[in-house]
Amino acid sequence: KQWYQRRVRGSFLCCRVYGIVLANMAIDKDDILPLLLPNEENTVVWGKYDEMRMWKNVIVIGFGFMFLFTAFQNMAALQSSINEDNGLGVYTLAVVYATIILSCFFLPTLIIKLLKVKLALVVCQLMYILYLAAQFYPTWGTLIPASILLGLGAAPMWSAKCTYLSQMVLTLQR
């Protein structure tokens, strides 16, 4: 059982790290502010490269989130089986979702204003990696604090993702 638990946790962490790397490939400096080419009428003309870069960002963020949540959802589904110690797995998930509910009220706007959209997306995704890393040493002292941090980072991450995609669409629409 120990070997299986380590193997499962290792594969989830690899999938999660790969998802973070993919999501961060889309977050290059000045991706939102493309190169604009003025024409005779002083209107903005998009270059083919700018539109392709926007589509690349959407696709990479989509794949990054797919890998991120494939790992998280599978780990969450196995929590009660892997961490049976006095219901640790069940309490861990309860803490995650309770703190997500609480963080939805005030943290997304605050974190996005403080860190800006791209950095907020990266920092909040790192909370998921911290949670998975805590699975390698599953105790009450590691999983519950990691669950609290994950819950606090989940709502701002979703808001940052939606804001980033909305900014790209609005920039492309102009």
C-alpha atoms as a PDB file:
ATOM      1  CA  LYS A   1       0.000   0.000   0.000  1.00  0.00           C
ATOM      2  CA  GLN A   2       2.844   2.427   0.798  1.00  0.00           C
ATOM      3  CA  TRP A   3       4.431   1.910  -2.624  1.00  0.00           C
ATOM      4  CA  TYR A   4       1.103   2.492  -4.362  1.00  0.00           C
ATOM      5  CA  GLN A   5       0.425   5.673  -2.392  1.00  0.00           C
ATOM      6  CA  ARG A   6       3.847   7.118  -3.255  1.00  0.00           C
ATOM      7  CA  ARG A   7       3.415   6.221  -6.928  1.00  0.00           C
ATOM      8  CA  VAL A   8      -0.060   7.801  -7.103  1.00  0.00           C
ATOM      9  CA  ARG A   9       1.102  10.962  -5.366  1.00  0.00           C
ATOM     10  CA  GLY A  10       4.165  11.207  -7.615  1.00  0.00           C
ATOM     11  CA  SER A  11       2.135  10.920 -10.799  1.00  0.00           C
ATOM     12  CA  PHE A  12      -0.308  13.582  -9.592  1.00  0.00           C
ATOM     13  CA  LEU A  13       2.543  15.949  -8.745  1.00  0.00           C
ATOM     14  CA  CYS A  14       4.162  15.442 -12.169  1.00  0.00           C
ATOM     15  CA  CYS A  15       0.849  16.123 -13.887  1.00  0.00           C
ATOM     16  CA  ARG A  16       0.309  19.217 -11.748  1.00  0.00           C
ATOM     17  CA  VAL A  17       3.790  20.633 -12.383  1.00  0.00           C
ATOM     18  CA  TYR A  18       3.389  20.018 -16.119  1.00  0.00           C
ATOM     19  CA  GLY A  19       0.082  21.876 -16.023  1.00  0.00           C
ATOM     20  CA  ILE A  20       1.659  24.840 -14.220  1.00  0.00           C
ATOM     21  CA  VAL A  21       4.495  24.965 -16.746  1.00  0.00           C
ATOM     22  CA  LEU A  22       2.021  24.905 -19.630  1.00  0.00           C
ATOM     23  CA  ALA A  23      -0.145  27.611 -18.066  1.00  0.00           C
ATOM     24  CA  ASN A  24       2.877  29.810 -17.451  1.00  0.00           C
ATOM     25  CA  MET A  25       4.084  29.482 -21.055  1.00  0.00           C
ATOM     26  CA  ALA A  26       1.126  31.668 -22.001  1.00  0.00           C
ATOM     27  CA  ILE A  27       2.083  34.335 -19.500  1.00  0.00           C
ATOM     28  CA  ASP A  28       4.848  36.154 -21.326  1.00  0.00           C
ATOM     29  CA  LYS A  29       5.680  39.756 -20.658  1.00  0.00           C
ATOM     30  CA  ASP A  30       3.390  42.132 -22.545  1.00  0.00           C
ATOM     31  CA  ASP A  31       1.177  39.410 -24.008  1.00  0.00           C
ATOM     32  CA  ILE A  32      -1.879  41.522 -23.377  1.00  0.00           C
ATOM     33  CA  LEU A  33      -0.375  44.571 -25.073  1.00  0.00           C
ATOM     34  CA  PRO A  34       0.326  43.424 -28.623  1.00  0.00           C
ATOM     35  CA  LEU A  35       2.239  45.346 -31.222  1.00  0.00           C
ATOM     36  CA  LEU A  36      -0.204  47.658 -32.946  1.00  0.00           C
ATOM     37  CA  LEU A  37       0.334  48.947 -36.449  1.00  0.00           C
ATOM     38  CA  PRO A  38      -1.287  52.354 -37.160  1.00  0.00           C
ATOM     39  CA  ASN A  39      -2.691  52.968 -40.652  1.00  0.00           C
ATOM     40  CA  GLU A  40      -3.691  56.099 -42.582  1.00  0.00           C
ATOM     41  CA  GLU A  41      -7.006  56.611 -40.738  1.00  0.00           C
ATOM     42  CA  ASN A  42      -5.324  56.431 -37.289  1.00  0.00           C
ATOM     43  CA  THR A  43      -7.156  53.215 -36.499  1.00  0.00           C
ATOM     44  CA  VAL A  44      -5.565  50.091 -35.135  1.00  0.00           C
ATOM     45  CA  VAL A  45      -4.803  47.147 -37.383  1.00  0.00           C
ATOM     46  CA  TRP A  46      -3.984  43.781 -35.874  1.00  0.00           C
ATOM     47  CA  GLY A  47      -1.159  41.820 -37.316  1.00  0.00           C
ATOM     48  CA  LYS A  48      -1.597  38.118 -38.007  1.00  0.00           C
ATOM     49  CA  TYR A  49       1.071  37.383 -35.364  1.00  0.00           C
ATOM     50  CA  ASP A  50      -0.874  39.205 -32.625  1.00  0.00           C
ATOM     51  CA  GLU A  51      -4.049  37.244 -33.223  1.00  0.00           C
ATOM     52  CA  MET A  52      -2.156  33.945 -33.335  1.00  0.00           C
ATOM     53  CA  ARG A  53      -0.415  34.808 -30.057  1.00  0.00           C
ATOM     54  CA  MET A  54      -3.790  35.414 -28.416  1.00  0.00           C
ATOM     55  CA  TRP A  55      -5.079  32.040 -29.639  1.00  0.00           C
ATOM     56  CA  LYS A  56      -1.885  30.372 -28.386  1.00  0.00           C
ATOM     57  CA  ASN A  57      -2.469  31.869 -24.946  1.00  0.00           C
ATOM     58  CA  VAL A  58      -6.056  30.626 -24.816  1.00  0.00           C
ATOM     59  CA  ILE A  59      -5.034  27.110 -25.876  1.00  0.00           C
ATOM     60  CA  VAL A  60      -2.079  26.925 -23.477  1.00  0.00           C
ATOM     61  CA  ILE A  61      -4.160  28.168 -20.536  1.00  0.00           C
ATOM     62  CA  GLY A  62      -6.826  25.620 -21.421  1.00  0.00           C
ATOM     63  CA  PHE A  63      -4.341  22.753 -21.450  1.00  0.00           C
ATOM     64  CA  GLY A  64      -2.662  24.041 -18.290  1.00  0.00           C
ATOM     65  CA  PHE A  65      -5.956  24.058 -16.417  1.00  0.00           C
ATOM     66  CA  MET A  66      -6.829  20.651 -17.827  1.00  0.00           C
ATOM     67  CA  PHE A  67      -3.621  19.156 -16.398  1.00  0.00           C
ATOM     68  CA  LEU A  68      -3.981  21.090 -13.147  1.00  0.00           C
ATOM     69  CA  PHE A  69      -7.488  19.893 -12.435  1.00  0.00           C
ATOM     70  CA  THR A  70      -6.967  16.378 -13.744  1.00  0.00           C
ATOM     71  CA  ALA A  71      -4.386  15.967 -11.003  1.00  0.00           C
ATOM     72  CA  PHE A  72      -6.408  17.755  -8.315  1.00  0.00           C
ATOM     73  CA  GLN A  73      -9.731  16.030  -8.980  1.00  0.00           C
ATOM     74  CA  ASN A  74      -8.128  12.596  -9.025  1.00  0.00           C
ATOM     75  CA  MET A  75      -6.290  13.296  -5.789  1.00  0.00           C
ATOM     76  CA  ALA A  76      -9.499  14.619  -4.224  1.00  0.00           C
ATOM     77  CA  ALA A  77     -11.378  11.482  -5.294  1.00  0.00           C
ATOM     78  CA  LEU A  78      -8.774   9.289  -3.564  1.00  0.00           C
ATOM     79  CA  GLN A  79      -8.415  11.414  -0.404  1.00  0.00           C
ATOM     80  CA  SER A  80     -10.656   9.276   1.800  1.00  0.00           C
ATOM     81  CA  SER A  81      -8.918   6.084   0.632  1.00  0.00           C
ATOM     82  CA  ILE A  82      -5.309   7.231   0.823  1.00  0.00           C
ATOM     83  CA  ASN A  83      -5.507   9.305   4.029  1.00  0.00           C
ATOM     84  CA  GLU A  84      -7.689   7.183   6.297  1.00  0.00           C
ATOM     85  CA  ASP A  85      -6.034   8.284   9.559  1.00  0.00           C
ATOM     86  CA  ASN A  86      -9.013   9.428  11.697  1.00  0.00           C
ATOM     87  CA  GLY A  87     -10.755  10.754   8.596  1.00  0.00           C
ATOM     88  CA  LEU A  88      -7.864  13.015   7.595  1.00  0.00           C
ATOM     89  CA  GLY A  89      -8.711  12.852   3.884  1.00  0.00           C
ATOM     90  CA  VAL A  90     -12.351  13.782   4.399  1.00  0.00           C
ATOM     91  CA  TYR A  91     -11.497  16.634   6.775  1.00  0.00           C
ATOM     92  CA  THR A  92      -8.873  17.868   4.329  1.00  0.00           C
ATOM     93  CA  LEU A  93     -11.447  18.189   1.556  1.00  0.00           C
ATOM     94  CA  ALA A  94     -13.935  19.807   3.923  1.00  0.00           C
ATOM     95  CA  VAL A  95     -11.346  22.427   4.861  1.00  0.00           C
ATOM     96  CA  VAL A  96     -10.481  23.037   1.178  1.00  0.00           C
ATOM     97  CA  TYR A  97     -14.069  23.682   0.163  1.00  0.00           C
ATOM     98  CA  ALA A  98     -14.942  25.679   3.295  1.00  0.00           C
ATOM     99  CA  THR A  99     -12.019  28.045   2.723  1.00  0.00           C
ATOM    100  CA  ILE A 100     -12.904  28.333  -0.977  1.00  0.00           C
ATOM    101  CA  ILE A 101     -16.359  29.546   0.055  1.00  0.00           C
ATOM    102  CA  LEU A 102     -14.868  32.050   2.487  1.00  0.00           C
ATOM    103  CA  SER A 103     -12.230  33.271   0.036  1.00  0.00           C
ATOM    104  CA  CYS A 104     -14.821  33.933  -2.664  1.00  0.00           C
ATOM    105  CA  PHE A 105     -16.189  36.822  -0.620  1.00  0.00           C
ATOM    106  CA  PHE A 106     -13.145  39.075  -0.433  1.00  0.00           C
ATOM    107  CA  LEU A 107      -9.902  37.645  -1.792  1.00  0.00           C
ATOM    108  CA  PRO A 108     -10.208  37.619  -5.620  1.00  0.00           C
ATOM    109  CA  THR A 109     -10.397  41.385  -6.048  1.00  0.00           C
ATOM    110  CA  LEU A 110      -7.782  42.037  -3.383  1.00  0.00           C
ATOM    111  CA  ILE A 111      -5.262  39.506  -4.749  1.00  0.00           C
ATOM    112  CA  ILE A 112      -5.710  40.593  -8.372  1.00  0.00           C
ATOM    113  CA  LYS A 113      -5.278  44.275  -7.466  1.00  0.00           C
ATOM    114  CA  LEU A 114      -2.249  43.492  -5.320  1.00  0.00           C
ATOM    115  CA  LEU A 115      -0.417  41.044  -7.617  1.00  0.00           C
ATOM    116  CA  LYS A 116      -1.948  41.877 -11.018  1.00  0.00           C
ATOM    117  CA  VAL A 117      -3.646  39.233 -13.130  1.00  0.00           C
ATOM    118  CA  LYS A 118      -0.731  37.175 -14.435  1.00  0.00           C
ATOM    119  CA  LEU A 119       1.177  36.933 -11.177  1.00  0.00           C
ATOM    120  CA  ALA A 120      -2.017  36.182  -9.250  1.00  0.00           C
ATOM    121  CA  LEU A 121      -2.681  33.291 -11.627  1.00  0.00           C
ATOM    122  CA  VAL A 122       0.791  31.863 -11.083  1.00  0.00           C
ATOM    123  CA  VAL A 123       0.841  32.303  -7.285  1.00  0.00           C
ATOM    124  CA  CYS A 124      -2.605  30.776  -6.855  1.00  0.00           C
ATOM    125  CA  GLN A 125      -1.660  27.792  -9.006  1.00  0.00           C
ATOM    126  CA  LEU A 126       1.369  27.266  -6.792  1.00  0.00           C
ATOM    127  CA  MET A 127      -1.059  26.727  -3.896  1.00  0.00           C
ATOM    128  CA  TYR A 128      -2.277  23.631  -5.713  1.00  0.00           C
ATOM    129  CA  ILE A 129       1.304  22.352  -6.006  1.00  0.00           C
ATOM    130  CA  LEU A 130       1.829  22.991  -2.291  1.00  0.00           C
ATOM    131  CA  TYR A 131      -1.279  20.944  -1.528  1.00  0.00           C
ATOM    132  CA  LEU A 132      -0.044  18.061  -3.667  1.00  0.00           C
ATOM    133  CA  ALA A 133       3.417  18.249  -2.144  1.00  0.00           C
ATOM    134  CA  ALA A 134       1.828  17.943   1.309  1.00  0.00           C
ATOM    135  CA  GLN A 135       0.390  14.614   0.155  1.00  0.00           C
ATOM    136  CA  PHE A 136       3.886  13.106   0.294  1.00  0.00           C
ATOM    137  CA  TYR A 137       3.931  13.501   4.090  1.00  0.00           C
ATOM    138  CA  PRO A 138       0.241  13.206   5.038  1.00  0.00           C
ATOM    139  CA  THR A 139      -0.246  14.358   8.610  1.00  0.00           C
ATOM    140  CA  TRP A 140      -2.695  16.722  10.233  1.00  0.00           C
ATOM    141  CA  GLY A 141       0.082  19.286  10.507  1.00  0.00           C
ATOM    142  CA  THR A 142       0.841  19.295   6.772  1.00  0.00           C
ATOM    143  CA  LEU A 143      -2.460  18.626   5.027  1.00  0.00           C
ATOM    144  CA  ILE A 144      -4.746  20.976   6.964  1.00  0.00           C
ATOM    145  CA  PRO A 145      -2.529  24.095   6.491  1.00  0.00           C
ATOM    146  CA  ALA A 146      -2.001  23.151   2.832  1.00  0.00           C
ATOM    147  CA  SER A 147      -5.771  22.772   2.461  1.00  0.00           C
ATOM    148  CA  ILE A 148      -6.339  26.215   3.931  1.00  0.00           C
ATOM    149  CA  LEU A 149      -3.802  27.773   1.540  1.00  0.00           C
ATOM    150  CA  LEU A 150      -5.336  25.927  -1.401  1.00  0.00           C
ATOM    151  CA  GLY A 151      -8.791  27.141  -0.471  1.00  0.00           C
ATOM    152  CA  LEU A 152      -7.561  30.706  -0.134  1.00  0.00           C
ATOM    153  CA  GLY A 153      -5.853  30.533  -3.530  1.00  0.00           C
ATOM    154  CA  ALA A 154      -8.596  28.802  -5.526  1.00  0.00           C
ATOM    155  CA  ALA A 155     -11.094  31.659  -5.843  1.00  0.00           C
ATOM    156  CA  PRO A 156      -8.501  34.282  -6.874  1.00  0.00           C
ATOM    157  CA  MET A 157      -7.073  31.815  -9.418  1.00  0.00           C
ATOM    158  CA  TRP A 158     -10.424  31.359 -11.147  1.00  0.00           C
ATOM    159  CA  SER A 159     -11.058  35.096 -11.126  1.00  0.00           C
ATOM    160  CA  ALA A 160      -7.572  35.821 -12.469  1.00  0.00           C
ATOM    161  CA  LYS A 161      -8.038  33.295 -15.272  1.00  0.00           C
ATOM    162  CA  CYS A 162     -11.368  34.812 -16.274  1.00  0.00           C
ATOM    163  CA  THR A 163      -9.970  38.332 -16.066  1.00  0.00           C
ATOM    164  CA  TYR A 164      -6.922  37.403 -18.158  1.00  0.00           C
ATOM    165  CA  LEU A 165      -9.039  35.781 -20.860  1.00  0.00           C
ATOM    166  CA  SER A 166     -11.459  38.730 -20.823  1.00  0.00           C
ATOM    167  CA  GLN A 167      -8.561  41.171 -21.228  1.00  0.00           C
ATOM    168  CA  MET A 168      -7.291  39.206 -24.224  1.00  0.00           C
ATOM    169  CA  VAL A 169     -10.726  39.189 -25.832  1.00  0.00           C
ATOM    170  CA  LEU A 170     -11.252  42.914 -25.246  1.00  0.00           C
ATOM    171  CA  THR A 171      -7.791  43.703 -26.597  1.00  0.00           C
ATOM    172  CA  LEU A 172      -8.433  41.575 -29.672  1.00  0.00           C
ATOM    173  CA  GLN A 173     -11.844  43.146 -30.173  1.00  0.00           C
ATOM    174  CA  ARG A 174     -10.468  46.712 -30.418  1.00  0.00           C
END
